Amino acid sequence: MVTIASLGWKAGPEDGAEHYVYQTLCEFADNTGFCWPSMETIAKRTRQTVRNVRTIMRKIEKSGWVRTNKVGRSHQYQLDLP
């Protein structure tokens, strides 16, 4: 069985920091590619600032790797999977 986390290593953005954030999202994703970790959680896992993670999220969203949906006060992320 192929997991979403293993797919993240095979696909994703070329830039190292962007790929690291994408891989972190893949690790949180369910079998359909949805996840909802907080920016603080992503920042802690990737050892970056929340501000930098927000910048990277905008970049990978613009590139089409992730779609963001606001749900109440939180965000839900849909990964573009190969």
Protein backbone atom coordinates (compact mmCIF):
# COMPACT_ATOMS: atom_id res chain seq x y z
CA MET A 1 0.00 0.00 0.00
CA VAL A 2 1.32 3.43 -0.96
CA THR A 3 0.88 6.11 1.67
CA ILE A 4 0.35 9.82 1.12
CA ALA A 5 3.58 10.49 3.05
CA SER A 6 5.59 8.31 0.66
CA LEU A 7 4.04 10.06 -2.35
CA GLY A 8 5.29 13.37 -0.96
CA TRP A 9 8.88 12.22 -1.39
CA LYS A 10 8.30 11.33 -5.06
CA ALA A 11 6.43 14.51 -6.03
CA GLY A 12 6.15 18.08 -4.90
CA PRO A 13 7.90 21.38 -5.39
CA GLU A 14 11.53 21.49 -6.52
CA ASP A 15 12.60 24.12 -3.98
CA GLY A 16 13.92 22.49 -0.80
CA ALA A 17 12.01 24.58 1.77
CA GLU A 18 8.79 24.32 -0.25
CA HIS A 19 9.22 20.58 -0.59
CA TYR A 20 9.82 20.19 3.14
CA VAL A 21 6.54 21.99 3.94
CA TYR A 22 4.72 19.93 1.27
CA GLN A 23 6.17 16.71 2.73
CA THR A 24 5.03 17.76 6.20
CA LEU A 25 1.50 18.29 4.87
CA CYS A 26 1.67 14.84 3.25
CA GLU A 27 2.53 13.30 6.61
CA PHE A 28 -0.63 14.81 8.13
CA ALA A 29 -2.89 14.01 5.16
CA ASP A 30 -5.60 11.38 5.19
CA ASN A 31 -6.07 8.92 2.31
CA THR A 32 -7.88 11.53 0.22
CA GLY A 33 -5.13 14.16 0.54
CA PHE A 34 -6.85 16.40 3.10
CA CYS A 35 -5.11 17.69 6.22
CA TRP A 36 -5.50 20.54 8.68
CA PRO A 37 -2.35 21.14 10.74
CA SER A 38 -1.89 24.62 12.17
CA MET A 39 0.77 26.97 10.85
CA GLU A 40 2.47 26.67 14.24
CA THR A 41 2.60 22.88 13.92
CA ILE A 42 4.01 23.06 10.40
CA ALA A 43 6.59 25.64 11.52
CA LYS A 44 7.68 23.50 14.45
CA ARG A 45 7.97 20.35 12.30
CA THR A 46 9.98 22.14 9.59
CA ARG A 47 12.03 24.25 12.04
CA GLN A 48 10.96 27.50 10.39
CA THR A 49 9.10 30.59 11.52
CA VAL A 50 5.34 30.80 11.11
CA ARG A 51 5.87 33.81 8.85
CA ASN A 52 8.16 31.80 6.56
CA VAL A 53 5.71 28.90 6.46
CA ARG A 54 2.91 31.28 5.44
CA THR A 55 5.08 32.61 2.61
CA ILE A 56 5.92 29.08 1.46
CA MET A 57 2.26 28.01 1.66
CA ARG A 58 1.30 30.89 -0.64
CA LYS A 59 4.02 29.80 -3.10
CA ILE A 60 3.04 26.13 -3.19
CA GLU A 61 -0.63 27.08 -3.43
CA LYS A 62 0.13 29.38 -6.37
CA SER A 63 2.11 26.54 -8.00
CA GLY A 64 -0.90 24.24 -7.65
CA TRP A 65 0.54 21.72 -5.16
CA VAL A 66 -1.95 22.63 -2.43
CA ARG A 67 -5.43 24.16 -2.26
CA THR A 68 -6.47 25.94 0.93
CA ASN A 69 -10.04 26.10 2.21
CA LYS A 70 -10.96 28.21 5.22
CA VAL A 71 -13.22 26.25 7.56
CA GLY A 72 -14.38 28.37 10.47
CA ARG A 73 -11.24 29.73 12.13
CA SER A 74 -8.93 27.07 10.72
CA HIS A 75 -7.65 26.01 7.32
CA GLN A 76 -8.03 22.72 5.52
CA TYR A 77 -5.46 21.77 2.91
CA GLN A 78 -6.07 19.60 -0.15
CA LEU A 79 -2.89 18.18 -1.64
CA ASP A 80 -2.41 17.73 -5.37
CA LEU A 81 -1.28 14.11 -5.48
CA PRO A 82 0.34 12.28 -8.40
